[in-house]
């Protein structure tokens, strides 16, 4: 028998080829063991075919070691890849309301996923804010954001591009699409804390009541602090000054959230946070500040 740690196996073998596998035993970090056919072994995790449990996709953080049989590999059909295999994924949902002098309902939902290796970093999130008061719609907003970073091993700087779509019925615009390219810098990069700065150029196009394109800069910072094994705090602030006319108007989006695990190991946690968007050129009849806050249950999968 041969015993490999997950990291060593990833460096030496890369991964088991897609069409071959070996019998083996996987030891988890909680000392449990799983015996079956190891069909894939990479830096991201291990895939095991178990006779009773079926296909098991284990993240690298769950695996303490892999013990492979010395016998020749056996042929198996390659398993179909899971949704966003190797990506961190969370699903959040929160609902609150009242029934009395005023009937109100508020819904918040979000999906976040991300991936990082030596050369690439991806982040995608989608969010929905919906509200009613006395059966009248008071908030109906959803948005999606995709950011891609090109990393350079051993360097703190990187290049990025980010795209964002927003739909909001209660603003001077109904749809806004924005995109930027630029350079970023890892200001702080520690095991439990990181801070990233970004500088880019691009613009936003607002459609609906007014159809208008605005050339803009992007300047901002974002960070995450792993307070302990159960809780974390993240924040961001981004400024979007207009370029035509230069710096006459600007937008700012600032947000923060605190996350705490309900029961370590089950993937459930609570998230409490807030976000404020300021628009110096808000349409007449609308507020320059748009504050949103939420309390949500989060499932990490």
C-alpha atoms as a PDB file:
ATOM      1  CA  UNK A   1       0.000   0.000   0.000  1.00  0.00           C
ATOM      2  CA  UNK A   2       1.102   3.565  -0.656  1.00  0.00           C
ATOM      3  CA  UNK A   3       0.196   6.517   1.572  1.00  0.00           C
ATOM      4  CA  UNK A   4       0.130   9.997   0.079  1.00  0.00           C
ATOM      5  CA  UNK A   5      -0.994  13.286   1.541  1.00  0.00           C
ATOM      6  CA  UNK A   6      -3.421  15.114  -0.743  1.00  0.00           C
ATOM      7  CA  UNK A   7      -0.913  17.859  -1.560  1.00  0.00           C
ATOM      8  CA  UNK A   8       1.890  15.396  -2.338  1.00  0.00           C
ATOM      9  CA  UNK A   9      -0.343  13.294  -4.534  1.00  0.00           C
ATOM     10  CA  UNK A  10      -1.445  16.397  -6.419  1.00  0.00           C
ATOM     11  CA  UNK A  11       2.165  17.433  -7.099  1.00  0.00           C
ATOM     12  CA  UNK A  12       3.446  14.005  -8.025  1.00  0.00           C
ATOM     13  CA  UNK A  13       0.533  12.623 -10.020  1.00  0.00           C
ATOM     14  CA  UNK A  14      -1.400  15.795 -10.951  1.00  0.00           C
ATOM     15  CA  UNK A  15      -4.575  13.689 -10.893  1.00  0.00           C
ATOM     16  CA  UNK A  16      -5.684  10.199 -11.732  1.00  0.00           C
ATOM     17  CA  UNK A  17      -6.438  10.134 -15.429  1.00  0.00           C
ATOM     18  CA  UNK A  18     -10.109  10.589 -16.202  1.00  0.00           C
ATOM     19  CA  UNK A  19     -10.578   7.053 -17.491  1.00  0.00           C
ATOM     20  CA  UNK A  20      -8.685   5.144 -14.758  1.00  0.00           C
ATOM     21  CA  UNK A  21      -8.950   4.663 -11.023  1.00  0.00           C
ATOM     22  CA  UNK A  22      -7.487   2.774  -8.085  1.00  0.00           C
ATOM     23  CA  UNK A  23      -8.961   1.115  -5.072  1.00  0.00           C
ATOM     24  CA  UNK A  24      -8.003   2.970  -1.922  1.00  0.00           C
ATOM     25  CA  UNK A  25      -8.921   4.420   1.437  1.00  0.00           C
ATOM     26  CA  UNK A  26      -9.444   8.127   2.093  1.00  0.00           C
ATOM     27  CA  UNK A  27      -8.817   9.375   5.634  1.00  0.00           C
ATOM     28  CA  UNK A  28     -10.788  12.484   6.583  1.00  0.00           C
ATOM     29  CA  UNK A  29      -9.637  15.234   8.916  1.00  0.00           C
ATOM     30  CA  UNK A  30     -12.093  13.962  11.552  1.00  0.00           C
ATOM     31  CA  UNK A  31     -10.357  10.499  11.371  1.00  0.00           C
ATOM     32  CA  UNK A  32     -13.251   8.827   9.536  1.00  0.00           C
ATOM     33  CA  UNK A  33     -12.241   6.640   6.588  1.00  0.00           C
ATOM     34  CA  UNK A  34     -13.907   5.954   3.233  1.00  0.00           C
ATOM     35  CA  UNK A  35     -12.924   2.857   1.260  1.00  0.00           C
ATOM     36  CA  UNK A  36     -13.805   2.662  -2.411  1.00  0.00           C
ATOM     37  CA  UNK A  37     -12.495   3.462  -5.885  1.00  0.00           C
ATOM     38  CA  UNK A  38     -10.541   6.728  -6.091  1.00  0.00           C
ATOM     39  CA  UNK A  39     -11.411   8.121  -9.534  1.00  0.00           C
ATOM     40  CA  UNK A  40      -9.918  11.611  -9.281  1.00  0.00           C
ATOM     41  CA  UNK A  41      -7.282  13.222  -7.082  1.00  0.00           C
ATOM     42  CA  UNK A  42      -6.262  16.886  -7.563  1.00  0.00           C
ATOM     43  CA  UNK A  43      -5.240  19.864  -5.452  1.00  0.00           C
ATOM     44  CA  UNK A  44      -8.943  20.799  -5.272  1.00  0.00           C
ATOM     45  CA  UNK A  45     -10.131  17.489  -3.816  1.00  0.00           C
ATOM     46  CA  UNK A  46     -10.759  13.776  -4.206  1.00  0.00           C
ATOM     47  CA  UNK A  47     -13.584  11.883  -5.907  1.00  0.00           C
ATOM     48  CA  UNK A  48     -14.428   8.406  -4.564  1.00  0.00           C
ATOM     49  CA  UNK A  49     -16.910   5.856  -5.895  1.00  0.00           C
ATOM     50  CA  UNK A  50     -18.388   4.063  -2.862  1.00  0.00           C
ATOM     51  CA  UNK A  51     -20.458   0.859  -3.298  1.00  0.00           C
ATOM     52  CA  UNK A  52     -23.219   2.110  -0.984  1.00  0.00           C
ATOM     53  CA  UNK A  53     -22.885   5.915  -0.923  1.00  0.00           C
ATOM     54  CA  UNK A  54     -22.263   6.421  -4.640  1.00  0.00           C
ATOM     55  CA  UNK A  55     -20.069   9.255  -5.912  1.00  0.00           C
ATOM     56  CA  UNK A  56     -18.449  11.330  -3.161  1.00  0.00           C
ATOM     57  CA  UNK A  57     -16.727  14.629  -4.018  1.00  0.00           C
ATOM     58  CA  UNK A  58     -14.474  15.592  -1.114  1.00  0.00           C
ATOM     59  CA  UNK A  59     -12.888  19.040  -0.855  1.00  0.00           C
ATOM     60  CA  UNK A  60      -9.170  19.176  -0.078  1.00  0.00           C
ATOM     61  CA  UNK A  61      -9.902  20.708   3.343  1.00  0.00           C
ATOM     62  CA  UNK A  62     -11.808  17.538   4.318  1.00  0.00           C
ATOM     63  CA  UNK A  63      -9.034  15.099   3.394  1.00  0.00           C
ATOM     64  CA  UNK A  64      -6.097  14.179   5.656  1.00  0.00           C
ATOM     65  CA  UNK A  65      -4.623  11.500   3.382  1.00  0.00           C
ATOM     66  CA  UNK A  66      -5.221   8.993   0.595  1.00  0.00           C
ATOM     67  CA  UNK A  67      -3.985   5.388   0.704  1.00  0.00           C
ATOM     68  CA  UNK A  68      -3.931   3.776  -2.755  1.00  0.00           C
ATOM     69  CA  UNK A  69      -3.774   0.087  -3.649  1.00  0.00           C
ATOM     70  CA  UNK A  70      -0.619  -0.985  -5.543  1.00  0.00           C
ATOM     71  CA  UNK A  71      -2.647  -3.060  -7.973  1.00  0.00           C
ATOM     72  CA  UNK A  72      -3.034  -1.913 -11.572  1.00  0.00           C
ATOM     73  CA  UNK A  73      -5.582   0.844 -12.184  1.00  0.00           C
ATOM     74  CA  UNK A  74      -9.022  -0.355 -13.181  1.00  0.00           C
ATOM     75  CA  UNK A  75     -11.114   1.270 -15.890  1.00  0.00           C
ATOM     76  CA  UNK A  76     -14.171   3.235 -14.854  1.00  0.00           C
ATOM     77  CA  UNK A  77     -16.427   5.651 -16.670  1.00  0.00           C
ATOM     78  CA  UNK A  78     -15.386   9.233 -15.885  1.00  0.00           C
ATOM     79  CA  UNK A  79     -17.959  10.847 -13.577  1.00  0.00           C
ATOM     80  CA  UNK A  80     -19.920  13.816 -14.858  1.00  0.00           C
ATOM     81  CA  UNK A  81     -18.502  17.035 -13.390  1.00  0.00           C
ATOM     82  CA  UNK A  82     -20.499  18.606 -10.578  1.00  0.00           C
ATOM     83  CA  UNK A  83     -21.880  22.154 -10.753  1.00  0.00           C
ATOM     84  CA  UNK A  84     -18.934  24.539 -10.167  1.00  0.00           C
ATOM     85  CA  UNK A  85     -16.681  21.676  -8.959  1.00  0.00           C
ATOM     86  CA  UNK A  86     -13.785  23.154  -6.980  1.00  0.00           C
ATOM     87  CA  UNK A  87     -15.541  26.510  -6.443  1.00  0.00           C
ATOM     88  CA  UNK A  88     -16.614  27.868  -3.057  1.00  0.00           C
ATOM     89  CA  UNK A  89     -20.403  28.347  -3.154  1.00  0.00           C
ATOM     90  CA  UNK A  90     -22.944  29.899  -0.781  1.00  0.00           C
ATOM     91  CA  UNK A  91     -26.702  30.381  -0.981  1.00  0.00           C
ATOM     92  CA  UNK A  92     -28.333  32.996   1.267  1.00  0.00           C
ATOM     93  CA  UNK A  93     -31.971  33.738   2.031  1.00  0.00           C
ATOM     94  CA  UNK A  94     -33.752  35.994   4.480  1.00  0.00           C
ATOM     95  CA  UNK A  95     -37.417  36.915   5.015  1.00  0.00           C
ATOM     96  CA  UNK A  96     -39.091  39.247   7.480  1.00  0.00           C
ATOM     97  CA  UNK A  97     -42.492  40.880   7.732  1.00  0.00           C
ATOM     98  CA  UNK A  98     -45.276  42.195   9.929  1.00  0.00           C
ATOM     99  CA  UNK A  99     -49.059  41.905  10.074  1.00  0.00           C
ATOM    100  CA  UNK A 100     -51.033  44.559  11.930  1.00  0.00           C
ATOM    101  CA  UNK A 101     -51.465  48.264  11.325  1.00  0.00           C
ATOM    102  CA  UNK A 102     -49.070  47.787   8.404  1.00  0.00           C
ATOM    103  CA  UNK A 103     -48.600  44.564   6.468  1.00  0.00           C
ATOM    104  CA  UNK A 104     -45.052  44.297   5.190  1.00  0.00           C
ATOM    105  CA  UNK A 105     -42.871  41.675   3.566  1.00  0.00           C
ATOM    106  CA  UNK A 106     -39.168  41.808   2.773  1.00  0.00           C
ATOM    107  CA  UNK A 107     -37.161  39.145   0.924  1.00  0.00           C
ATOM    108  CA  UNK A 108     -33.404  38.925   0.412  1.00  0.00           C
ATOM    109  CA  UNK A 109     -31.679  36.156  -1.565  1.00  0.00           C
ATOM    110  CA  UNK A 110     -28.128  35.767  -2.833  1.00  0.00           C
ATOM    111  CA  UNK A 111     -25.839  33.298  -4.548  1.00  0.00           C
ATOM    112  CA  UNK A 112     -22.061  33.661  -4.309  1.00  0.00           C
ATOM    113  CA  UNK A 113     -19.301  31.551  -5.785  1.00  0.00           C
ATOM    114  CA  UNK A 114     -15.585  31.933  -6.288  1.00  0.00           C
ATOM    115  CA  UNK A 115     -12.466  30.097  -7.374  1.00  0.00           C
ATOM    116  CA  UNK A 116      -8.741  30.807  -7.063  1.00  0.00           C
ATOM    117  CA  UNK A 117      -5.549  29.078  -8.135  1.00  0.00           C
ATOM    118  CA  UNK A 118      -2.039  30.326  -8.925  1.00  0.00           C
ATOM    119  CA  UNK A 119      -3.026  32.224 -12.079  1.00  0.00           C
ATOM    120  CA  UNK A 120      -6.781  32.868 -11.942  1.00  0.00           C
ATOM    121  CA  UNK A 121      -9.294  34.256  -9.471  1.00  0.00           C
ATOM    122  CA  UNK A 122     -13.020  34.319 -10.242  1.00  0.00           C
ATOM    123  CA  UNK A 123     -15.890  35.795  -8.228  1.00  0.00           C
ATOM    124  CA  UNK A 124     -19.585  35.759  -9.138  1.00  0.00           C
ATOM    125  CA  UNK A 125     -22.570  36.912  -7.112  1.00  0.00           C
ATOM    126  CA  UNK A 126     -26.256  37.449  -7.765  1.00  0.00           C
ATOM    127  CA  UNK A 127     -28.679  39.138  -5.353  1.00  0.00           C
ATOM    128  CA  UNK A 128     -32.371  39.924  -5.050  1.00  0.00           C
ATOM    129  CA  UNK A 129     -34.056  42.536  -2.827  1.00  0.00           C
ATOM    130  CA  UNK A 130     -37.865  42.540  -2.821  1.00  0.00           C
ATOM    131  CA  UNK A 131     -40.298  44.365  -0.557  1.00  0.00           C
ATOM    132  CA  UNK A 132     -44.035  44.973  -0.135  1.00  0.00           C
ATOM    133  CA  UNK A 133     -46.035  47.182   2.211  1.00  0.00           C
ATOM    134  CA  UNK A 134     -49.820  46.831   2.401  1.00  0.00           C
ATOM    135  CA  UNK A 135     -49.638  44.739  -0.805  1.00  0.00           C
ATOM    136  CA  UNK A 136     -47.856  47.560  -2.634  1.00  0.00           C
ATOM    137  CA  UNK A 137     -44.453  46.786  -4.160  1.00  0.00           C
ATOM    138  CA  UNK A 138     -41.860  49.053  -2.483  1.00  0.00           C
ATOM    139  CA  UNK A 139     -38.594  47.412  -3.611  1.00  0.00           C
ATOM    140  CA  UNK A 140     -37.813  45.224  -6.602  1.00  0.00           C
ATOM    141  CA  UNK A 141     -34.104  45.032  -7.303  1.00  0.00           C
ATOM    142  CA  UNK A 142     -31.796  42.306  -8.554  1.00  0.00           C
ATOM    143  CA  UNK A 143     -28.226  42.339  -9.766  1.00  0.00           C
ATOM    144  CA  UNK A 144     -25.407  40.069 -10.944  1.00  0.00           C
ATOM    145  CA  UNK A 145     -21.668  40.718 -10.879  1.00  0.00           C
ATOM    146  CA  UNK A 146     -18.744  38.774 -12.402  1.00  0.00           C
ATOM    147  CA  UNK A 147     -15.067  39.597 -11.710  1.00  0.00           C
ATOM    148  CA  UNK A 148     -12.055  37.875 -13.235  1.00  0.00           C
ATOM    149  CA  UNK A 149      -8.504  38.460 -11.944  1.00  0.00           C
ATOM    150  CA  UNK A 150      -5.369  37.421 -13.826  1.00  0.00           C
ATOM    151  CA  UNK A 151      -2.736  36.590 -11.181  1.00  0.00           C
ATOM    152  CA  UNK A 152       1.050  36.384 -11.467  1.00  0.00           C
ATOM    153  CA  UNK A 153       2.670  33.807  -9.128  1.00  0.00           C
ATOM    154  CA  UNK A 154       4.951  35.511  -6.624  1.00  0.00           C
ATOM    155  CA  UNK A 155       3.655  39.002  -7.476  1.00  0.00           C
ATOM    156  CA  UNK A 156       1.207  41.220  -5.594  1.00  0.00           C
ATOM    157  CA  UNK A 157      -0.223  42.998  -8.646  1.00  0.00           C
ATOM    158  CA  UNK A 158      -2.769  41.545 -11.074  1.00  0.00           C
ATOM    159  CA  UNK A 159      -5.058  42.569 -13.922  1.00  0.00           C
ATOM    160  CA  UNK A 160      -8.834  42.353 -13.720  1.00  0.00           C
ATOM    161  CA  UNK A 161     -12.094  42.851 -15.546  1.00  0.00           C
ATOM    162  CA  UNK A 162     -15.518  43.154 -13.958  1.00  0.00           C
ATOM    163  CA  UNK A 163     -19.036  43.167 -15.403  1.00  0.00           C
ATOM    164  CA  UNK A 164     -22.232  44.065 -13.564  1.00  0.00           C
ATOM    165  CA  UNK A 165     -25.934  44.099 -14.428  1.00  0.00           C
ATOM    166  CA  UNK A 166     -28.545  45.823 -12.218  1.00  0.00           C
ATOM    167  CA  UNK A 167     -32.319  45.986 -12.512  1.00  0.00           C
ATOM    168  CA  UNK A 168     -34.179  48.362 -10.203  1.00  0.00           C
ATOM    169  CA  UNK A 169     -37.733  49.648 -10.736  1.00  0.00           C
ATOM    170  CA  UNK A 170     -37.459  52.354  -8.069  1.00  0.00           C
ATOM    171  CA  UNK A 171     -34.667  54.537  -9.454  1.00  0.00           C
ATOM    172  CA  UNK A 172     -34.337  57.097 -12.211  1.00  0.00           C
ATOM    173  CA  UNK A 173     -33.182  54.202 -14.392  1.00  0.00           C
ATOM    174  CA  UNK A 174     -34.573  50.684 -14.711  1.00  0.00           C
ATOM    175  CA  UNK A 175     -31.504  48.820 -15.981  1.00  0.00           C
ATOM    176  CA  UNK A 176     -27.798  49.558 -15.620  1.00  0.00           C
ATOM    177  CA  UNK A 177     -24.981  47.605 -17.244  1.00  0.00           C
ATOM    178  CA  UNK A 178     -21.386  48.435 -16.357  1.00  0.00           C
ATOM    179  CA  UNK A 179     -17.942  47.097 -17.195  1.00  0.00           C
ATOM    180  CA  UNK A 180     -14.361  47.944 -16.241  1.00  0.00           C
ATOM    181  CA  UNK A 181     -10.801  46.762 -16.844  1.00  0.00           C
ATOM    182  CA  UNK A 182      -7.807  47.648 -14.736  1.00  0.00           C
ATOM    183  CA  UNK A 183      -5.017  46.709 -12.375  1.00  0.00           C
ATOM    184  CA  UNK A 184      -5.258  45.460  -8.807  1.00  0.00           C
ATOM    185  CA  UNK A 185      -2.862  45.051  -5.900  1.00  0.00           C
ATOM    186  CA  UNK A 186      -2.876  42.687  -2.910  1.00  0.00           C
ATOM    187  CA  UNK A 187      -2.275  45.264  -0.170  1.00  0.00           C
ATOM    188  CA  UNK A 188      -2.435  42.660   2.615  1.00  0.00           C
ATOM    189  CA  UNK A 189      -2.239  38.922   2.041  1.00  0.00           C
ATOM    190  CA  UNK A 190      -2.227  36.904   5.254  1.00  0.00           C
ATOM    191  CA  UNK A 191      -3.725  33.603   6.316  1.00  0.00           C
ATOM    192  CA  UNK A 192      -6.593  35.237   8.206  1.00  0.00           C
ATOM    193  CA  UNK A 193      -6.808  38.656   6.551  1.00  0.00           C
ATOM    194  CA  UNK A 194      -6.553  40.062   3.044  1.00  0.00           C
ATOM    195  CA  UNK A 195      -7.113  43.438   1.430  1.00  0.00           C
ATOM    196  CA  UNK A 196      -7.257  44.174  -2.304  1.00  0.00           C
ATOM    197  CA  UNK A 197      -7.107  47.573  -4.049  1.00  0.00           C
ATOM    198  CA  UNK A 198      -8.404  48.119  -7.593  1.00  0.00           C
ATOM    199  CA  UNK A 199      -8.043  50.898 -10.171  1.00  0.00           C
ATOM    200  CA  UNK A 200      -9.842  50.610 -13.490  1.00  0.00           C
ATOM    201  CA  UNK A 201     -11.549  52.427 -16.323  1.00  0.00           C
ATOM    202  CA  UNK A 202     -14.811  51.703 -18.096  1.00  0.00           C
ATOM    203  CA  UNK A 203     -18.350  52.954 -17.898  1.00  0.00           C
ATOM    204  CA  UNK A 204     -22.021  52.308 -17.255  1.00  0.00           C
ATOM    205  CA  UNK A 205     -25.085  52.380 -19.488  1.00  0.00           C
ATOM    206  CA  UNK A 206     -28.451  53.215 -17.952  1.00  0.00           C
ATOM    207  CA  UNK A 207     -31.637  52.261 -19.800  1.00  0.00           C
ATOM    208  CA  UNK A 208     -35.301  52.835 -19.037  1.00  0.00           C
ATOM    209  CA  UNK A 209     -36.517  56.334 -18.240  1.00  0.00           C
ATOM    210  CA  UNK A 210     -33.192  57.715 -19.522  1.00  0.00           C
ATOM    211  CA  UNK A 211     -30.862  55.961 -21.982  1.00  0.00           C
ATOM    212  CA  UNK A 212     -27.369  57.218 -21.252  1.00  0.00           C
ATOM    213  CA  UNK A 213     -23.747  56.019 -21.245  1.00  0.00           C
ATOM    214  CA  UNK A 214     -21.279  57.455 -18.721  1.00  0.00           C
ATOM    215  CA  UNK A 215     -17.512  56.913 -18.927  1.00  0.00           C
ATOM    216  CA  UNK A 216     -16.154  56.266 -15.427  1.00  0.00           C
ATOM    217  CA  UNK A 217     -13.150  55.334 -13.359  1.00  0.00           C
ATOM    218  CA  UNK A 218     -13.283  52.564 -10.766  1.00  0.00           C
ATOM    219  CA  UNK A 219     -11.368  53.018  -7.505  1.00  0.00           C
ATOM    220  CA  UNK A 220     -11.916  50.750  -4.536  1.00  0.00           C
ATOM    221  CA  UNK A 221     -10.785  48.367  -1.858  1.00  0.00           C
ATOM    222  CA  UNK A 222     -12.224  45.115  -0.541  1.00  0.00           C
ATOM    223  CA  UNK A 223     -11.167  42.844   2.282  1.00  0.00           C
ATOM    224  CA  UNK A 224     -11.972  39.803   4.361  1.00  0.00           C
ATOM    225  CA  UNK A 225     -11.015  39.016   7.962  1.00  0.00           C
ATOM    226  CA  UNK A 226     -11.315  35.446   9.259  1.00  0.00           C
ATOM    227  CA  UNK A 227     -11.864  36.334  12.911  1.00  0.00           C
ATOM    228  CA  UNK A 228     -11.743  32.723  14.062  1.00  0.00           C
ATOM    229  CA  UNK A 229     -12.751  29.266  12.823  1.00  0.00           C
ATOM    230  CA  UNK A 230     -16.465  30.161  13.014  1.00  0.00           C
ATOM    231  CA  UNK A 231     -16.787  33.824  12.061  1.00  0.00           C
ATOM    232  CA  UNK A 232     -15.593  36.323   9.466  1.00  0.00           C
ATOM    233  CA  UNK A 233     -16.061  39.950   8.459  1.00  0.00           C
ATOM    234  CA  UNK A 234     -15.876  41.320   4.926  1.00  0.00           C
ATOM    235  CA  UNK A 235     -16.190  44.807   3.493  1.00  0.00           C
ATOM    236  CA  UNK A 236     -15.861  46.787   0.270  1.00  0.00           C
ATOM    237  CA  UNK A 237     -16.082  50.343  -1.005  1.00  0.00           C
ATOM    238  CA  UNK A 238     -15.949  51.390  -4.662  1.00  0.00           C
ATOM    239  CA  UNK A 239     -16.043  54.873  -6.173  1.00  0.00           C
ATOM    240  CA  UNK A 240     -17.114  55.522  -9.784  1.00  0.00           C
ATOM    241  CA  UNK A 241     -16.271  59.146 -10.719  1.00  0.00           C
ATOM    242  CA  UNK A 242     -17.493  60.300 -14.124  1.00  0.00           C
ATOM    243  CA  UNK A 243     -14.950  61.198 -16.812  1.00  0.00           C
ATOM    244  CA  UNK A 244     -17.156  63.400 -19.016  1.00  0.00           C
ATOM    245  CA  UNK A 245     -17.296  65.944 -17.530  1.00  0.00           C
ATOM    246  CA  UNK A 246     -14.330  64.851 -15.398  1.00  0.00           C
ATOM    247  CA  UNK A 247     -15.184  64.159 -11.735  1.00  0.00           C
ATOM    248  CA  UNK A 248     -18.331  66.289 -11.788  1.00  0.00           C
ATOM    249  CA  UNK A 249     -20.501  63.406 -10.568  1.00  0.00           C
ATOM    250  CA  UNK A 250     -19.738  60.106  -8.892  1.00  0.00           C
ATOM    251  CA  UNK A 251     -21.291  56.979  -7.497  1.00  0.00           C
ATOM    252  CA  UNK A 252     -20.130  55.068  -4.414  1.00  0.00           C
ATOM    253  CA  UNK A 253     -21.070  51.587  -3.238  1.00  0.00           C
ATOM    254  CA  UNK A 254     -20.032  50.595   0.296  1.00  0.00           C
ATOM    255  CA  UNK A 255     -20.965  47.421   2.121  1.00  0.00           C
ATOM    256  CA  UNK A 256     -20.003  45.129   4.981  1.00  0.00           C
ATOM    257  CA  UNK A 257     -21.180  41.821   6.415  1.00  0.00           C
ATOM    258  CA  UNK A 258     -20.504  39.645   9.450  1.00  0.00           C
ATOM    259  CA  UNK A 259     -20.869  35.868   9.102  1.00  0.00           C
ATOM    260  CA  UNK A 260     -20.971  33.371  11.972  1.00  0.00           C
ATOM    261  CA  UNK A 261     -21.374  29.607  11.723  1.00  0.00           C
ATOM    262  CA  UNK A 262     -24.436  28.176  13.472  1.00  0.00           C
ATOM    263  CA  UNK A 263     -22.895  24.741  13.973  1.00  0.00           C
ATOM    264  CA  UNK A 264     -19.373  24.183  12.728  1.00  0.00           C
ATOM    265  CA  UNK A 265     -19.296  21.491  10.070  1.00  0.00           C
ATOM    266  CA  UNK A 266     -22.913  21.564   8.833  1.00  0.00           C
ATOM    267  CA  UNK A 267     -22.412  24.409   6.323  1.00  0.00           C
ATOM    268  CA  UNK A 268     -25.041  26.689   7.896  1.00  0.00           C
ATOM    269  CA  UNK A 269     -24.311  30.200   9.123  1.00  0.00           C
ATOM    270  CA  UNK A 270     -25.932  33.581   9.736  1.00  0.00           C
ATOM    271  CA  UNK A 271     -25.012  36.689   7.755  1.00  0.00           C
ATOM    272  CA  UNK A 272     -25.856  40.218   8.853  1.00  0.00           C
ATOM    273  CA  UNK A 273     -24.849  43.102   6.657  1.00  0.00           C
ATOM    274  CA  UNK A 274     -25.640  46.362   4.942  1.00  0.00           C
ATOM    275  CA  UNK A 275     -24.888  48.154   1.687  1.00  0.00           C
ATOM    276  CA  UNK A 276     -25.338  51.792   0.732  1.00  0.00           C
ATOM    277  CA  UNK A 277     -25.192  53.216  -2.778  1.00  0.00           C
ATOM    278  CA  UNK A 278     -24.690  56.953  -3.189  1.00  0.00           C
ATOM    279  CA  UNK A 279     -25.350  58.726  -6.502  1.00  0.00           C
ATOM    280  CA  UNK A 280     -24.512  62.430  -6.639  1.00  0.00           C
ATOM    281  CA  UNK A 281     -26.569  62.727  -9.841  1.00  0.00           C
ATOM    282  CA  UNK A 282     -29.685  60.911  -8.631  1.00  0.00           C
ATOM    283  CA  UNK A 283     -32.795  61.619 -10.689  1.00  0.00           C
ATOM    284  CA  UNK A 284     -35.306  64.148  -9.395  1.00  0.00           C
ATOM    285  CA  UNK A 285     -37.726  62.569  -6.954  1.00  0.00           C
ATOM    286  CA  UNK A 286     -35.268  59.868  -5.847  1.00  0.00           C
ATOM    287  CA  UNK A 287     -32.864  59.753  -2.905  1.00  0.00           C
ATOM    288  CA  UNK A 288     -29.107  60.100  -3.405  1.00  0.00           C
ATOM    289  CA  UNK A 289     -28.534  57.384  -0.789  1.00  0.00           C
ATOM    290  CA  UNK A 290     -30.017  53.901  -1.142  1.00  0.00           C
ATOM    291  CA  UNK A 291     -29.389  51.856   2.011  1.00  0.00           C
ATOM    292  CA  UNK A 292     -30.099  48.121   2.151  1.00  0.00           C
ATOM    293  CA  UNK A 293     -29.585  45.865   5.170  1.00  0.00           C
ATOM    294  CA  UNK A 294     -30.238  42.177   5.672  1.00  0.00           C
ATOM    295  CA  UNK A 295     -30.143  39.222   8.040  1.00  0.00           C
ATOM    296  CA  UNK A 296     -29.958  35.917   6.204  1.00  0.00           C
ATOM    297  CA  UNK A 297     -29.377  32.206   6.641  1.00  0.00           C
ATOM    298  CA  UNK A 298     -26.415  31.021   4.562  1.00  0.00           C
ATOM    299  CA  UNK A 299     -25.759  27.515   3.239  1.00  0.00           C
ATOM    300  CA  UNK A 300     -22.191  26.722   2.190  1.00  0.00           C
ATOM    301  CA  UNK A 301     -21.998  23.854  -0.317  1.00  0.00           C
END
